[in-house]
Amino acid sequence: MDTRRFGLIRECATGCPNGKSDPTTLWLLRRFHGFPAVNNLLVNSFPNIGERHAPCDSPPCMNFEPADPSLSEREIHLMLDGLPVELPAGRRSLPAIRSFLETLALEHQRILCALTVDGHPTDLAQLPATTDFTRVEGESIELNDMPLQLLKTARQQTAAARADVTAAVSLVLINEAPAAREFWWKLTRELKEPLLTLSLLPEDACGLDRRGTSLKQLRKWQLQQLAAIIKDVDAACWAEDTAELATALETRCLPWLEKLHEMICLWDETACARLRLTPVEHR
Protein backbone atom coordinates (compact mmCIF):
# COMPACT_ATOMS: atom_id res chain seq x y z
CA MET A 1 0.00 0.00 0.00
CA ASP A 2 1.38 3.43 -0.89
CA THR A 3 2.18 5.92 1.85
CA ARG A 4 -0.40 8.52 0.82
CA ARG A 5 -3.28 6.03 0.87
CA PHE A 6 -2.30 4.64 4.25
CA GLY A 7 -1.95 8.19 5.59
CA LEU A 8 -5.51 8.94 4.53
CA ILE A 9 -6.78 5.80 6.26
CA ARG A 10 -4.83 6.64 9.41
CA GLU A 11 -6.29 10.17 9.48
CA CYS A 12 -9.79 8.73 9.17
CA ALA A 13 -9.19 6.23 11.95
CA THR A 14 -7.55 8.54 14.43
CA GLY A 15 -10.03 11.31 13.71
CA CYS A 16 -13.10 9.16 14.38
CA PRO A 17 -12.56 7.06 17.56
CA ASN A 18 -14.81 4.31 18.95
CA GLY A 19 -16.11 3.34 15.56
CA LYS A 20 -18.12 6.54 15.10
CA SER A 21 -17.27 7.41 11.55
CA ASP A 22 -18.86 8.58 8.37
CA PRO A 23 -19.45 6.27 5.37
CA THR A 24 -16.18 7.32 3.73
CA THR A 25 -14.15 6.19 6.75
CA LEU A 26 -15.92 2.85 7.00
CA TRP A 27 -15.51 2.15 3.30
CA LEU A 28 -11.77 2.88 3.42
CA LEU A 29 -11.20 0.65 6.42
CA ARG A 30 -13.29 -2.21 5.03
CA ARG A 31 -11.82 -1.90 1.55
CA PHE A 32 -8.25 -2.28 2.78
CA HIS A 33 -8.96 -4.72 5.60
CA GLY A 34 -6.29 -7.42 5.51
CA PHE A 35 -3.26 -5.16 5.30
CA PRO A 36 -1.31 -5.55 8.59
CA ALA A 37 -1.03 -1.81 9.16
CA VAL A 38 -4.74 -1.31 8.54
CA ASN A 39 -5.63 -4.23 10.81
CA ASN A 40 -3.75 -2.50 13.64
CA LEU A 41 -5.81 0.64 13.06
CA LEU A 42 -9.01 -1.42 13.09
CA VAL A 43 -8.13 -2.96 16.44
CA ASN A 44 -7.02 0.29 18.07
CA SER A 45 -9.60 2.70 16.71
CA PHE A 46 -12.55 0.54 15.68
CA PRO A 47 -12.69 -2.42 18.09
CA ASN A 48 -16.24 -3.29 17.11
CA ILE A 49 -15.86 -3.23 13.35
CA GLY A 50 -14.38 -6.77 13.23
CA GLU A 51 -15.37 -9.31 10.66
CA ARG A 52 -19.08 -8.71 11.10
CA HIS A 53 -18.93 -5.83 8.64
CA ALA A 54 -19.19 -7.09 5.10
CA PRO A 55 -16.64 -5.64 2.73
CA CYS A 56 -17.89 -2.89 0.51
CA ASP A 57 -16.92 -2.85 -3.18
CA SER A 58 -18.16 0.58 -4.13
CA PRO A 59 -16.86 3.70 -2.47
CA PRO A 60 -19.11 6.55 -1.44
CA CYS A 61 -18.64 9.94 -3.00
CA MET A 62 -15.27 11.28 -1.90
CA ASN A 63 -13.25 14.40 -2.67
CA PHE A 64 -9.48 13.93 -2.36
CA GLU A 65 -7.25 16.88 -1.65
CA PRO A 66 -4.08 17.39 -3.77
CA ALA A 67 -0.89 15.84 -2.33
CA ASP A 68 0.61 19.31 -1.96
CA PRO A 69 -2.01 22.07 -2.27
CA SER A 70 0.67 24.78 -2.32
CA LEU A 71 1.97 23.49 -5.66
CA SER A 72 -1.33 24.18 -7.41
CA GLU A 73 -2.59 27.20 -5.50
CA ARG A 74 0.36 29.58 -5.37
CA GLU A 75 0.98 32.05 -8.17
CA ILE A 76 4.40 31.89 -9.82
CA HIS A 77 5.79 34.83 -11.78
CA LEU A 78 8.07 33.62 -14.58
CA MET A 79 10.53 35.78 -16.55
CA LEU A 80 13.02 35.05 -19.31
CA ASP A 81 15.54 37.70 -20.32
CA GLY A 82 13.48 40.37 -18.59
CA LEU A 83 10.21 39.49 -20.32
CA PRO A 84 7.21 37.81 -18.65
CA VAL A 85 6.50 34.24 -19.72
CA GLU A 86 3.25 32.34 -19.25
CA LEU A 87 3.83 29.21 -17.21
CA PRO A 88 2.14 26.13 -18.70
CA ALA A 89 -0.28 24.20 -16.51
CA GLY A 90 1.28 21.46 -14.43
CA ARG A 91 4.79 22.93 -14.33
CA ARG A 92 5.03 24.00 -10.71
CA SER A 93 8.37 22.54 -9.62
CA LEU A 94 11.79 24.04 -10.29
CA PRO A 95 12.98 21.15 -12.51
CA ALA A 96 9.82 21.48 -14.61
CA ILE A 97 10.24 25.25 -14.90
CA ARG A 98 13.92 24.92 -15.79
CA SER A 99 13.11 22.40 -18.53
CA PHE A 100 10.44 24.73 -19.94
CA LEU A 101 12.80 27.74 -19.99
CA GLU A 102 15.58 25.70 -21.58
CA THR A 103 13.25 24.61 -24.37
CA LEU A 104 11.98 28.14 -24.85
CA ALA A 105 15.55 29.45 -25.13
CA LEU A 106 16.53 26.73 -27.61
CA GLU A 107 13.60 27.68 -29.84
CA HIS A 108 15.27 31.09 -30.21
CA GLN A 109 18.74 29.62 -30.76
CA ARG A 110 19.83 30.58 -27.28
CA ILE A 111 21.02 28.71 -24.19
CA LEU A 112 19.69 29.10 -20.66
CA CYS A 113 22.70 30.15 -18.57
CA ALA A 114 21.31 31.47 -15.27
CA LEU A 115 18.30 31.03 -13.01
CA THR A 116 17.20 33.21 -10.11
CA VAL A 117 14.61 32.01 -7.60
CA ASP A 118 12.99 34.72 -5.47
CA GLY A 119 16.01 36.93 -6.13
CA HIS A 120 18.62 34.29 -5.21
CA PRO A 121 20.99 32.95 -7.91
CA THR A 122 20.61 29.19 -8.31
CA ASP A 123 22.91 26.54 -9.71
CA LEU A 124 21.22 25.16 -12.83
CA ALA A 125 22.82 21.76 -12.27
CA GLN A 126 21.76 21.52 -8.60
CA LEU A 127 18.38 23.09 -8.06
CA PRO A 128 17.20 23.56 -4.47
CA ALA A 129 14.48 21.25 -3.22
CA THR A 130 12.25 24.13 -2.13
CA THR A 131 8.66 24.38 -3.33
CA ASP A 132 7.93 27.65 -1.54
CA PHE A 133 8.82 30.16 -4.25
CA THR A 134 6.84 32.75 -6.18
CA ARG A 135 9.23 34.25 -8.73
CA VAL A 136 11.64 32.61 -11.18
CA GLU A 137 13.82 34.57 -13.60
CA GLY A 138 15.87 32.96 -16.35
CA GLU A 139 18.70 34.41 -18.41
CA SER A 140 19.79 33.08 -21.79
CA ILE A 141 22.68 33.83 -24.11
CA GLU A 142 23.45 33.41 -27.78
CA LEU A 143 25.72 30.60 -28.89
CA ASN A 144 28.45 33.08 -29.80
CA ASP A 145 28.43 34.40 -26.24
CA MET A 146 29.27 31.00 -24.76
CA PRO A 147 32.99 31.81 -24.34
CA LEU A 148 32.07 34.82 -22.20
CA GLN A 149 29.76 32.70 -20.09
CA LEU A 150 32.47 30.06 -19.61
CA LEU A 151 34.93 32.74 -18.51
CA LYS A 152 32.39 34.14 -16.10
CA THR A 153 31.78 30.69 -14.63
CA ALA A 154 35.51 30.00 -14.32
CA ARG A 155 36.01 33.35 -12.59
CA GLN A 156 33.26 32.56 -10.08
CA GLN A 157 34.70 29.10 -9.45
CA THR A 158 38.15 30.58 -8.85
CA ALA A 159 36.78 33.14 -6.41
CA ALA A 160 34.85 30.43 -4.54
CA ALA A 161 37.93 28.19 -4.35
CA ARG A 162 40.05 31.06 -3.08
CA ALA A 163 37.53 31.81 -0.32
CA ASP A 164 37.38 28.14 0.70
CA VAL A 165 41.16 27.78 0.77
CA THR A 166 41.42 30.90 2.93
CA ALA A 167 38.89 29.41 5.36
CA ALA A 168 40.70 26.05 5.29
CA VAL A 169 43.94 27.66 6.46
CA SER A 170 42.27 28.38 9.80
CA LEU A 171 40.29 25.14 9.94
CA VAL A 172 43.28 22.84 9.59
CA LEU A 173 45.05 24.64 12.43
CA ILE A 174 42.31 23.85 14.93
CA ASN A 175 41.81 20.22 13.88
CA GLU A 176 43.75 17.02 14.22
CA ALA A 177 45.85 15.81 11.29
CA PRO A 178 43.33 13.22 9.95
CA ALA A 179 40.50 15.77 9.84
CA ALA A 180 42.82 18.38 8.32
CA ARG A 181 43.74 15.97 5.53
CA GLU A 182 40.05 15.44 4.74
CA PHE A 183 39.58 19.21 4.45
CA TRP A 184 42.43 19.36 1.96
CA TRP A 185 41.27 16.42 -0.15
CA LYS A 186 37.84 18.00 -0.52
CA LEU A 187 39.49 21.22 -1.71
CA THR A 188 41.40 19.52 -4.52
CA ARG A 189 38.17 19.08 -6.48
CA GLU A 190 37.41 22.79 -6.23
CA LEU A 191 40.89 23.69 -7.46
CA LYS A 192 40.34 21.67 -10.63
CA GLU A 193 36.91 23.07 -11.51
CA PRO A 194 38.05 26.37 -13.08
CA LEU A 195 40.52 24.56 -15.32
CA LEU A 196 37.89 22.07 -16.42
CA THR A 197 35.60 24.96 -17.35
CA LEU A 198 38.39 26.74 -19.23
CA SER A 199 39.08 23.57 -21.20
CA LEU A 200 35.73 24.12 -22.96
CA LEU A 201 36.84 27.45 -24.42
CA PRO A 202 37.38 27.57 -28.18
CA GLU A 203 41.01 27.94 -29.15
CA ASP A 204 40.45 31.37 -30.72
CA ALA A 205 38.26 32.76 -27.93
CA CYS A 206 40.95 34.96 -26.36
CA GLY A 207 43.68 35.16 -29.00
CA LEU A 208 47.34 35.06 -27.94
CA ASP A 209 48.80 36.52 -24.78
CA ARG A 210 51.46 39.22 -24.76
CA ARG A 211 54.20 36.64 -25.30
CA GLY A 212 52.40 35.07 -28.23
CA THR A 213 51.40 31.95 -26.27
CA SER A 214 48.25 30.18 -27.39
CA LEU A 215 45.30 29.49 -25.12
CA LYS A 216 45.89 25.76 -25.47
CA GLN A 217 49.47 26.05 -24.24
CA LEU A 218 48.46 28.27 -21.32
CA ARG A 219 45.88 25.74 -20.22
CA LYS A 220 48.49 22.96 -20.34
CA TRP A 221 50.83 24.99 -18.16
CA GLN A 222 48.03 25.63 -15.67
CA LEU A 223 47.33 21.90 -15.39
CA GLN A 224 51.01 21.15 -14.82
CA GLN A 225 51.26 23.87 -12.19
CA LEU A 226 48.20 22.58 -10.36
CA ALA A 227 49.55 19.01 -10.37
CA ALA A 228 52.81 20.21 -8.79
CA ILE A 229 50.92 22.23 -6.17
CA ILE A 230 48.69 19.30 -5.22
CA LYS A 231 51.77 17.06 -4.78
CA ASP A 232 53.44 19.62 -2.53
CA VAL A 233 50.36 20.11 -0.36
CA ASP A 234 49.77 16.35 -0.24
CA ALA A 235 53.24 15.91 1.19
CA ALA A 236 52.60 18.59 3.81
CA CYS A 237 49.26 17.13 4.89
CA TRP A 238 50.95 14.01 6.32
CA ALA A 239 52.95 16.00 8.84
CA GLU A 240 51.99 15.61 12.50
CA ASP A 241 51.80 19.38 12.90
CA THR A 242 48.86 20.72 10.89
CA ALA A 243 50.62 24.09 10.70
CA GLU A 244 52.65 22.66 7.80
CA LEU A 245 49.47 22.00 5.83
CA ALA A 246 48.17 25.49 6.63
CA THR A 247 51.45 26.99 5.42
CA ALA A 248 51.33 24.98 2.19
CA LEU A 249 47.77 26.12 1.51
CA GLU A 250 48.72 29.73 2.15
CA THR A 251 51.96 29.77 0.17
CA ARG A 252 51.14 27.39 -2.69
CA CYS A 253 47.41 27.35 -3.36
CA LEU A 254 46.39 30.95 -2.68
CA PRO A 255 49.05 32.62 -4.90
CA TRP A 256 48.20 30.24 -7.75
CA LEU A 257 44.47 31.00 -7.46
CA GLU A 258 45.13 34.73 -7.42
CA LYS A 259 47.21 34.52 -10.61
CA LEU A 260 44.59 32.31 -12.24
CA HIS A 261 41.88 34.84 -11.38
CA GLU A 262 43.93 37.66 -12.90
CA MET A 263 44.51 35.64 -16.06
CA ILE A 264 40.81 34.81 -16.44
CA CYS A 265 39.90 38.49 -16.02
CA LEU A 266 42.39 39.36 -18.76
CA TRP A 267 40.97 36.70 -21.06
CA ASP A 268 37.48 38.01 -20.35
CA GLU A 269 38.47 41.54 -21.37
CA THR A 270 40.09 40.21 -24.54
CA ALA A 271 37.07 38.08 -25.45
CA CYS A 272 34.71 41.02 -24.90
CA ALA A 273 36.85 43.26 -27.11
CA ARG A 274 36.97 40.64 -29.87
CA LEU A 275 33.19 40.24 -29.69
CA ARG A 276 32.64 44.00 -29.98
CA LEU A 277 34.89 44.14 -33.05
CA THR A 278 33.20 41.20 -34.77
CA PRO A 279 30.56 42.32 -37.28
CA VAL A 280 27.04 41.27 -36.31
CA GLU A 281 26.57 39.25 -39.51
CA HIS A 282 29.60 37.09 -38.64
CA ARG A 283 28.57 36.33 -35.09
Foldseek 3Di string as FASTA:
>chain_A
DDPVLVVVLLCQQVVAAQQPHDQQNVLSLLVPPPPVVSVVSCVGGPVPPPPVDHHDDDGDDDDDDDPDVCQQPAAAFEEEQRHTDDDDPPQQFPVSVLVVNQVVQVVVQKGWQWKAFQNHTADPVDGDPDSPTHYMYIYIGHPLCVLLSLLVVLLVLLVVLLVLLVVLLVVLQPDFLVVNVVSVVVSLVSLCVSLVSLVPHDFPQQAAPPVRDTSVVVSVVLVVLSVVLSVCLVVQSPDRRSNSNSVSSVPRVNVSSVVVSVVSVNSSVRNVVVVVPDDPVVD
